[in-house]
C-alpha atoms as a PDB file:
ATOM      1  CA  MET A   1     282.653 206.428 189.045  1.00  0.00           C
ATOM      2  CA  THR A   2     279.456 205.954 187.071  1.00  0.00           C
ATOM      3  CA  ARG A   3     276.064 206.321 188.810  1.00  0.00           C
ATOM      4  CA  PRO A   4     275.219 202.555 188.626  1.00  0.00           C
ATOM      5  CA  ALA A   5     278.603 201.741 190.117  1.00  0.00           C
ATOM      6  CA  ALA A   6     278.136 204.223 192.989  1.00  0.00           C
ATOM      7  CA  PHE A   7     274.690 202.772 193.782  1.00  0.00           C
ATOM      8  CA  ALA A   8     276.103 199.249 193.817  1.00  0.00           C
ATOM      9  CA  LEU A   9     278.908 200.317 196.185  1.00  0.00           C
ATOM     10  CA  ALA A  10     276.430 202.002 198.637  1.00  0.00           C
ATOM     11  CA  SER A  11     274.223 198.938 198.690  1.00  0.00           C
ATOM     12  CA  ALA A  12     277.160 196.670 199.395  1.00  0.00           C
ATOM     13  CA  LEU A  13     278.327 198.843 202.297  1.00  0.00           C
ATOM     14  CA  ALA A  14     274.815 198.850 203.835  1.00  0.00           C
ATOM     15  CA  LEU A  15     274.518 195.074 203.634  1.00  0.00           C
ATOM     16  CA  ALA A  16     277.938 194.705 205.192  1.00  0.00           C
ATOM     17  CA  ALA A  17     276.906 196.886 208.149  1.00  0.00           C
ATOM     18  CA  VAL A  18     273.792 194.781 208.766  1.00  0.00           C
ATOM     19  CA  GLY A  19     275.752 191.603 208.553  1.00  0.00           C
ATOM     20  CA  ALA A  20     278.322 192.904 211.031  1.00  0.00           C
ATOM     21  CA  ALA A  21     275.641 193.695 213.590  1.00  0.00           C
ATOM     22  CA  GLY A  22     273.912 190.357 213.116  1.00  0.00           C
ATOM     23  CA  CYS A  23     270.530 191.970 212.990  1.00  0.00           C
ATOM     24  CA  ALA A  24     268.677 194.989 211.820  1.00  0.00           C
ATOM     25  CA  PRO A  25     269.343 198.275 213.591  1.00  0.00           C
ATOM     26  CA  VAL A  26     267.329 198.557 216.872  1.00  0.00           C
ATOM     27  CA  VAL A  27     265.144 201.595 217.337  1.00  0.00           C
ATOM     28  CA  ALA A  28     265.150 202.851 220.941  1.00  0.00           C
ATOM     29  CA  GLN A  29     261.750 202.509 222.663  1.00  0.00           C
ATOM     30  CA  THR A  30     260.397 205.287 224.887  1.00  0.00           C
ATOM     31  CA  ALA A  31     258.744 203.988 228.125  1.00  0.00           C
ATOM     32  CA  PRO A  32     255.106 205.026 228.458  1.00  0.00           C
ATOM     33  CA  ALA A  33     254.455 207.803 230.962  1.00  0.00           C
ATOM     34  CA  PRO A  34     253.104 206.465 234.278  1.00  0.00           C
ATOM     35  CA  ALA A  35     249.378 206.920 234.844  1.00  0.00           C
ATOM     36  CA  PRO A  36     248.574 209.707 237.285  1.00  0.00           C
ATOM     37  CA  ALA A  37     247.994 208.421 240.812  1.00  0.00           C
ATOM     38  CA  ALA A  38     244.389 208.350 241.929  1.00  0.00           C
ATOM     39  CA  ALA A  39     243.567 211.093 244.383  1.00  0.00           C
ATOM     40  CA  THR A  40     243.366 209.822 247.959  1.00  0.00           C
ATOM     41  CA  PRO A  41     240.014 210.765 249.428  1.00  0.00           C
ATOM     42  CA  ALA A  42     240.178 212.956 252.505  1.00  0.00           C
ATOM     43  CA  PRO A  43     239.367 211.097 255.724  1.00  0.00           C
ATOM     44  CA  ALA A  44     235.878 211.625 257.082  1.00  0.00           C
ATOM     45  CA  ALA A  45     235.739 214.343 259.697  1.00  0.00           C
ATOM     46  CA  PHE A  46     233.502 212.274 261.985  1.00  0.00           C
ATOM     47  CA  THR A  47     233.215 208.552 262.572  1.00  0.00           C
ATOM     48  CA  LEU A  48     230.876 206.209 264.427  1.00  0.00           C
ATOM     49  CA  ALA A  49     232.556 204.648 267.452  1.00  0.00           C
ATOM     50  CA  PRO A  50     231.642 201.108 268.478  1.00  0.00           C
ATOM     51  CA  LEU A  51     229.270 200.756 271.397  1.00  0.00           C
ATOM     52  CA  PRO A  52     231.031 200.353 274.761  1.00  0.00           C
ATOM     53  CA  TYR A  53     229.131 197.036 275.161  1.00  0.00           C
ATOM     54  CA  GLY A  54     227.430 194.475 272.943  1.00  0.00           C
ATOM     55  CA  TYR A  55     224.150 195.064 271.158  1.00  0.00           C
ATOM     56  CA  ASP A  56     222.532 192.522 273.491  1.00  0.00           C
ATOM     57  CA  ALA A  57     224.098 193.890 276.679  1.00  0.00           C
ATOM     58  CA  LEU A  58     221.117 195.996 277.782  1.00  0.00           C
ATOM     59  CA  GLU A  59     218.577 193.193 277.559  1.00  0.00           C
ATOM     60  CA  PRO A  60     215.831 192.997 278.691  1.00  0.00           C
ATOM     61  CA  VAL A  61     215.503 196.759 279.200  1.00  0.00           C
ATOM     62  CA  ILE A  62     216.462 197.583 275.610  1.00  0.00           C
ATOM     63  CA  ASP A  63     216.276 194.696 273.163  1.00  0.00           C
ATOM     64  CA  THR A  64     219.047 193.588 270.842  1.00  0.00           C
ATOM     65  CA  ALA A  65     217.166 194.433 267.629  1.00  0.00           C
ATOM     66  CA  THR A  66     216.524 198.005 268.777  1.00  0.00           C
ATOM     67  CA  MET A  67     220.142 198.553 269.819  1.00  0.00           C
ATOM     68  CA  THR A  68     221.444 197.139 266.533  1.00  0.00           C
ATOM     69  CA  VAL A  69     219.251 199.293 264.308  1.00  0.00           C
ATOM     70  CA  HIS A  70     219.557 202.360 266.521  1.00  0.00           C
ATOM     71  CA  HIS A  71     223.349 202.355 266.526  1.00  0.00           C
ATOM     72  CA  SER A  72     224.306 200.869 263.146  1.00  0.00           C
ATOM     73  CA  LYS A  73     221.557 202.528 261.072  1.00  0.00           C
ATOM     74  CA  HIS A  74     220.199 205.650 262.788  1.00  0.00           C
ATOM     75  CA  HIS A  75     223.410 206.889 264.390  1.00  0.00           C
ATOM     76  CA  GLN A  76     225.456 205.934 261.330  1.00  0.00           C
ATOM     77  CA  ALA A  77     223.109 207.994 259.148  1.00  0.00           C
ATOM     78  CA  TYR A  78     223.677 211.067 261.316  1.00  0.00           C
ATOM     79  CA  VAL A  79     227.450 210.625 260.990  1.00  0.00           C
ATOM     80  CA  ASP A  80     227.310 210.125 257.219  1.00  0.00           C
ATOM     81  CA  ASN A  81     225.025 213.095 256.656  1.00  0.00           C
ATOM     82  CA  LEU A  82     227.071 215.308 258.956  1.00  0.00           C
ATOM     83  CA  ASN A  83     230.229 214.519 256.983  1.00  0.00           C
ATOM     84  CA  LYS A  84     228.460 215.446 253.738  1.00  0.00           C
ATOM     85  CA  ALA A  85     227.124 218.696 255.186  1.00  0.00           C
ATOM     86  CA  VAL A  86     230.500 219.737 256.629  1.00  0.00           C
ATOM     87  CA  ALA A  87     232.360 218.844 253.420  1.00  0.00           C
ATOM     88  CA  ALA A  88     230.033 221.162 251.501  1.00  0.00           C
ATOM     89  CA  ASP A  89     231.077 224.187 253.593  1.00  0.00           C
ATOM     90  CA  PRO A  90     234.845 224.909 253.747  1.00  0.00           C
ATOM     91  CA  ALA A  91     234.262 227.293 256.659  1.00  0.00           C
ATOM     92  CA  LEU A  92     233.422 224.284 258.860  1.00  0.00           C
ATOM     93  CA  ALA A  93     236.572 222.309 258.065  1.00  0.00           C
ATOM     94  CA  GLY A  94     238.435 221.157 261.168  1.00  0.00           C
ATOM     95  CA  MET A  95     235.669 222.037 263.621  1.00  0.00           C
ATOM     96  CA  THR A  96     234.966 219.553 266.411  1.00  0.00           C
ATOM     97  CA  ILE A  97     231.525 218.165 267.129  1.00  0.00           C
ATOM     98  CA  GLU A  98     231.360 220.324 270.274  1.00  0.00           C
ATOM     99  CA  GLN A  99     232.187 223.468 268.292  1.00  0.00           C
ATOM    100  CA  LEU A 100     229.421 222.685 265.823  1.00  0.00           C
ATOM    101  CA  VAL A 101     226.869 221.938 268.525  1.00  0.00           C
ATOM    102  CA  VAL A 102     227.352 225.114 270.573  1.00  0.00           C
ATOM    103  CA  ARG A 103     226.799 227.334 267.525  1.00  0.00           C
ATOM    104  CA  ALA A 104     224.012 225.246 265.998  1.00  0.00           C
ATOM    105  CA  GLY A 105     221.714 228.236 265.583  1.00  0.00           C
ATOM    106  CA  THR A 106     224.119 229.837 263.105  1.00  0.00           C
ATOM    107  CA  LEU A 107     224.522 226.722 260.958  1.00  0.00           C
ATOM    108  CA  PRO A 108     222.460 225.197 258.122  1.00  0.00           C
ATOM    109  CA  ALA A 109     219.736 222.801 259.235  1.00  0.00           C
ATOM    110  CA  ALA A 110     221.623 219.792 257.862  1.00  0.00           C
ATOM    111  CA  VAL A 111     224.610 220.574 260.093  1.00  0.00           C
ATOM    112  CA  ARG A 112     222.522 221.424 263.155  1.00  0.00           C
ATOM    113  CA  ASN A 113     220.359 218.298 262.946  1.00  0.00           C
ATOM    114  CA  ASN A 114     223.109 215.828 262.149  1.00  0.00           C
ATOM    115  CA  ALA A 115     225.676 217.302 264.534  1.00  0.00           C
ATOM    116  CA  GLY A 116     223.057 217.117 267.248  1.00  0.00           C
ATOM    117  CA  GLY A 117     222.178 213.565 266.282  1.00  0.00           C
ATOM    118  CA  HIS A 118     225.815 212.483 266.438  1.00  0.00           C
ATOM    119  CA  TRP A 119     226.578 214.217 269.743  1.00  0.00           C
ATOM    120  CA  ASN A 120     223.336 213.161 271.424  1.00  0.00           C
ATOM    121  CA  HIS A 121     223.639 209.502 270.499  1.00  0.00           C
ATOM    122  CA  THR A 122     227.273 209.273 271.553  1.00  0.00           C
ATOM    123  CA  PHE A 123     226.283 210.784 274.905  1.00  0.00           C
ATOM    124  CA  PHE A 124     223.304 208.396 275.183  1.00  0.00           C
ATOM    125  CA  TRP A 125     225.357 205.226 274.631  1.00  0.00           C
ATOM    126  CA  GLU A 126     227.872 206.366 277.233  1.00  0.00           C
ATOM    127  CA  THR A 127     225.125 207.109 279.768  1.00  0.00           C
ATOM    128  CA  MET A 128     224.203 203.416 279.857  1.00  0.00           C
ATOM    129  CA  ALA A 129     225.867 200.169 280.888  1.00  0.00           C
ATOM    130  CA  PRO A 130     224.737 196.578 281.399  1.00  0.00           C
ATOM    131  CA  ALA A 131     222.659 196.359 284.567  1.00  0.00           C
ATOM    132  CA  ALA A 132     225.328 194.283 286.339  1.00  0.00           C
ATOM    133  CA  ARG A 133     228.005 196.898 285.614  1.00  0.00           C
ATOM    134  CA  VAL A 134     226.346 200.231 286.376  1.00  0.00           C
ATOM    135  CA  GLY A 135     228.302 202.303 288.856  1.00  0.00           C
ATOM    136  CA  ALA A 136     227.060 203.784 292.105  1.00  0.00           C
ATOM    137  CA  ILE A 137     225.844 207.344 292.421  1.00  0.00           C
ATOM    138  CA  SER A 138     228.272 209.654 294.191  1.00  0.00           C
ATOM    139  CA  PRO A 139     227.295 211.166 297.558  1.00  0.00           C
ATOM    140  CA  ALA A 140     227.600 214.657 296.034  1.00  0.00           C
ATOM    141  CA  LEU A 141     225.174 213.927 293.197  1.00  0.00           C
ATOM    142  CA  ALA A 142     222.754 212.069 295.484  1.00  0.00           C
ATOM    143  CA  ALA A 143     222.700 215.060 297.827  1.00  0.00           C
ATOM    144  CA  ALA A 144     222.154 217.475 294.929  1.00  0.00           C
ATOM    145  CA  ILE A 145     219.204 215.416 293.627  1.00  0.00           C
ATOM    146  CA  ASP A 146     217.642 215.314 297.095  1.00  0.00           C
ATOM    147  CA  ALA A 147     218.153 219.054 297.535  1.00  0.00           C
ATOM    148  CA  GLN A 148     216.695 219.950 294.140  1.00  0.00           C
ATOM    149  CA  PHE A 149     213.872 217.412 293.774  1.00  0.00           C
ATOM    150  CA  GLY A 150     213.187 216.131 297.279  1.00  0.00           C
ATOM    151  CA  SER A 151     214.203 212.512 296.676  1.00  0.00           C
ATOM    152  CA  MET A 152     215.457 210.130 294.000  1.00  0.00           C
ATOM    153  CA  ASP A 153     211.916 208.864 293.425  1.00  0.00           C
ATOM    154  CA  ALA A 154     210.629 212.421 292.970  1.00  0.00           C
ATOM    155  CA  PHE A 155     213.459 213.130 290.526  1.00  0.00           C
ATOM    156  CA  LYS A 156     212.662 210.042 288.443  1.00  0.00           C
ATOM    157  CA  ALA A 157     208.965 210.971 288.398  1.00  0.00           C
ATOM    158  CA  ALA A 158     209.789 214.496 287.153  1.00  0.00           C
ATOM    159  CA  PHE A 159     212.172 213.113 284.519  1.00  0.00           C
ATOM    160  CA  LYS A 160     209.488 210.698 283.317  1.00  0.00           C
ATOM    161  CA  ALA A 161     206.913 213.499 283.156  1.00  0.00           C
ATOM    162  CA  ALA A 162     209.231 215.598 280.997  1.00  0.00           C
ATOM    163  CA  GLY A 163     209.944 212.641 278.728  1.00  0.00           C
ATOM    164  CA  THR A 164     206.314 211.670 278.217  1.00  0.00           C
ATOM    165  CA  ALA A 165     205.302 215.295 277.685  1.00  0.00           C
ATOM    166  CA  ARG A 166     207.781 215.785 274.809  1.00  0.00           C
ATOM    167  CA  PHE A 167     205.506 215.948 271.782  1.00  0.00           C
ATOM    168  CA  GLY A 168     206.801 213.913 268.860  1.00  0.00           C
ATOM    169  CA  SER A 169     210.510 213.187 268.768  1.00  0.00           C
ATOM    170  CA  GLY A 170     213.158 214.543 271.092  1.00  0.00           C
ATOM    171  CA  TRP A 171     215.205 214.112 274.241  1.00  0.00           C
ATOM    172  CA  VAL A 172     214.883 214.550 278.002  1.00  0.00           C
ATOM    173  CA  TRP A 173     217.881 215.720 280.035  1.00  0.00           C
ATOM    174  CA  LEU A 174     219.266 216.289 283.496  1.00  0.00           C
ATOM    175  CA  ILE A 175     221.604 219.271 283.331  1.00  0.00           C
ATOM    176  CA  VAL A 176     223.844 221.350 285.531  1.00  0.00           C
ATOM    177  CA  GLY A 177     222.948 224.994 285.032  1.00  0.00           C
ATOM    178  CA  ALA A 178     225.267 227.977 285.095  1.00  0.00           C
ATOM    179  CA  ASP A 179     224.314 228.415 288.769  1.00  0.00           C
ATOM    180  CA  GLY A 180     225.442 224.857 289.579  1.00  0.00           C
ATOM    181  CA  LYS A 181     221.903 223.655 290.220  1.00  0.00           C
ATOM    182  CA  LEU A 182     220.343 220.593 288.642  1.00  0.00           C
ATOM    183  CA  ALA A 183     217.412 220.972 286.262  1.00  0.00           C
ATOM    184  CA  ILE A 184     215.330 218.687 284.048  1.00  0.00           C
ATOM    185  CA  THR A 185     214.688 219.885 280.519  1.00  0.00           C
ATOM    186  CA  SER A 186     213.564 218.549 277.168  1.00  0.00           C
ATOM    187  CA  THR A 187     214.545 219.377 273.590  1.00  0.00           C
ATOM    188  CA  PRO A 188     212.917 218.647 270.225  1.00  0.00           C
ATOM    189  CA  ASN A 189     214.385 216.565 267.422  1.00  0.00           C
ATOM    190  CA  GLN A 190     218.196 216.380 267.820  1.00  0.00           C
ATOM    191  CA  ASP A 191     218.700 219.590 269.776  1.00  0.00           C
ATOM    192  CA  ASN A 192     220.414 219.517 273.160  1.00  0.00           C
ATOM    193  CA  PRO A 193     221.041 221.893 276.094  1.00  0.00           C
ATOM    194  CA  LEU A 194     224.524 222.858 274.855  1.00  0.00           C
ATOM    195  CA  MET A 195     223.103 224.530 271.769  1.00  0.00           C
ATOM    196  CA  ASP A 196     222.640 228.260 271.462  1.00  0.00           C
ATOM    197  CA  VAL A 197     219.031 227.552 270.402  1.00  0.00           C
ATOM    198  CA  ALA A 198     218.074 225.614 273.550  1.00  0.00           C
ATOM    199  CA  GLU A 199     215.291 227.090 275.675  1.00  0.00           C
ATOM    200  CA  VAL A 200     217.161 225.978 278.810  1.00  0.00           C
ATOM    201  CA  ARG A 201     220.926 225.791 278.476  1.00  0.00           C
ATOM    202  CA  GLY A 202     223.320 223.853 280.663  1.00  0.00           C
ATOM    203  CA  THR A 203     225.738 220.934 280.805  1.00  0.00           C
ATOM    204  CA  PRO A 204     223.979 217.584 280.315  1.00  0.00           C
ATOM    205  CA  ILE A 205     224.803 214.765 282.694  1.00  0.00           C
ATOM    206  CA  ILE A 206     221.892 212.457 281.760  1.00  0.00           C
ATOM    207  CA  GLY A 207     220.135 212.268 278.413  1.00  0.00           C
ATOM    208  CA  ASN A 208     217.452 209.856 277.243  1.00  0.00           C
ATOM    209  CA  ASP A 209     216.319 209.446 273.643  1.00  0.00           C
ATOM    210  CA  VAL A 210     212.528 209.523 273.339  1.00  0.00           C
ATOM    211  CA  TRP A 211     212.366 209.177 269.568  1.00  0.00           C
ATOM    212  CA  GLU A 212     210.161 206.177 268.759  1.00  0.00           C
ATOM    213  CA  HIS A 213     213.055 204.300 267.157  1.00  0.00           C
ATOM    214  CA  ALA A 214     214.683 204.162 270.604  1.00  0.00           C
ATOM    215  CA  TYR A 215     211.949 201.992 272.112  1.00  0.00           C
ATOM    216  CA  TYR A 216     209.141 201.094 269.696  1.00  0.00           C
ATOM    217  CA  LEU A 217     210.184 197.534 268.788  1.00  0.00           C
ATOM    218  CA  LYS A 218     209.882 196.478 272.432  1.00  0.00           C
ATOM    219  CA  TYR A 219     207.506 198.971 274.043  1.00  0.00           C
ATOM    220  CA  GLN A 220     205.369 200.051 271.051  1.00  0.00           C
ATOM    221  CA  SER A 221     203.567 203.229 272.139  1.00  0.00           C
ATOM    222  CA  ARG A 222     204.359 202.761 275.845  1.00  0.00           C
ATOM    223  CA  ARG A 223     207.001 205.466 276.187  1.00  0.00           C
ATOM    224  CA  ALA A 224     206.300 205.743 279.908  1.00  0.00           C
ATOM    225  CA  ASP A 225     207.210 202.069 280.436  1.00  0.00           C
ATOM    226  CA  TYR A 226     210.449 202.591 278.532  1.00  0.00           C
ATOM    227  CA  LEU A 227     211.310 205.581 280.737  1.00  0.00           C
ATOM    228  CA  ASP A 228     210.579 203.569 283.890  1.00  0.00           C
ATOM    229  CA  GLY A 229     212.682 200.588 282.863  1.00  0.00           C
ATOM    230  CA  TRP A 230     215.558 202.682 281.559  1.00  0.00           C
ATOM    231  CA  TRP A 231     216.909 203.482 285.039  1.00  0.00           C
ATOM    232  CA  GLN A 232     218.087 199.862 285.345  1.00  0.00           C
ATOM    233  CA  VAL A 233     220.809 200.540 282.763  1.00  0.00           C
ATOM    234  CA  VAL A 234     221.795 204.106 283.679  1.00  0.00           C
ATOM    235  CA  ASP A 235     225.466 204.140 284.666  1.00  0.00           C
ATOM    236  CA  TRP A 236     225.409 206.288 287.773  1.00  0.00           C
ATOM    237  CA  GLY A 237     229.176 206.121 288.028  1.00  0.00           C
ATOM    238  CA  LYS A 238     229.476 207.824 284.639  1.00  0.00           C
ATOM    239  CA  VAL A 239     226.751 210.335 285.487  1.00  0.00           C
ATOM    240  CA  SER A 240     228.443 211.167 288.782  1.00  0.00           C
ATOM    241  CA  ALA A 241     231.743 211.789 286.998  1.00  0.00           C
ATOM    242  CA  ARG A 242     229.989 214.154 284.601  1.00  0.00           C
ATOM    243  CA  TYR A 243     228.424 216.000 287.529  1.00  0.00           C
ATOM    244  CA  ALA A 244     231.814 216.457 289.170  1.00  0.00           C
ATOM    245  CA  ALA A 245     233.360 217.649 285.887  1.00  0.00           C
ATOM    246  CA  ALA A 246     230.538 220.134 285.266  1.00  0.00           C
ATOM    247  CA  ASN A 247     231.018 221.677 288.702  1.00  0.00           C
ATOM    248  CA  ALA A 248     234.780 221.783 288.323  1.00  0.00           C
ATOM    249  CA  ALA A 249     234.409 223.653 285.021  1.00  0.00           C
ATOM    250  CA  ARG A 250     232.239 226.402 286.502  1.00  0.00           C
END
């Protein structure tokens, strides 16, 4: 067969194959590879719990604006900054807030300050209740206060003195010491009596925030008035339960 004839025959066979299929040959398509899944961020180690009452529930002792800013801004900032500080140090992963607090003196300042701020504020909110819902003091705690301070009025006066004497920002506490006795103490900034850096260590059963943001919108510079009024919203039922638990743990 001559070359022109062979070429003509090949062309005819190719056209016949296309015609038989009814269309041009289909080239198989490869599906695109799926995009890699976005990494799921790790859950925050610590979160801000809602208040156990409304922002307006402690009126008129603590005003709504103060409670709103104090909880949703100040306390939230301590939680956010604590999460950042803990995430930056793998050695702290999985530690509870209590574990961080008790070894505060060995930790970076950002962890100490923000862990203290988170623990202290959580404790503070739980120390209070609306005036109509505060519980009664237990006979055991009432007797211990009388034995240690002479009377409830004398105790409140000593607590107020410690709170007004705290220079700058800090906290005033009623604690149960290692000997089981009650004591009033005060700490600077966001320290507390559980910390290894505390001058007087013990188990807190009452804690009051004497940072200005805790009272300034209503009381301005009158910290003493804030400390006086505060007893109206102290939940003595909660405090009494803490006192019983502290003694049981000794």
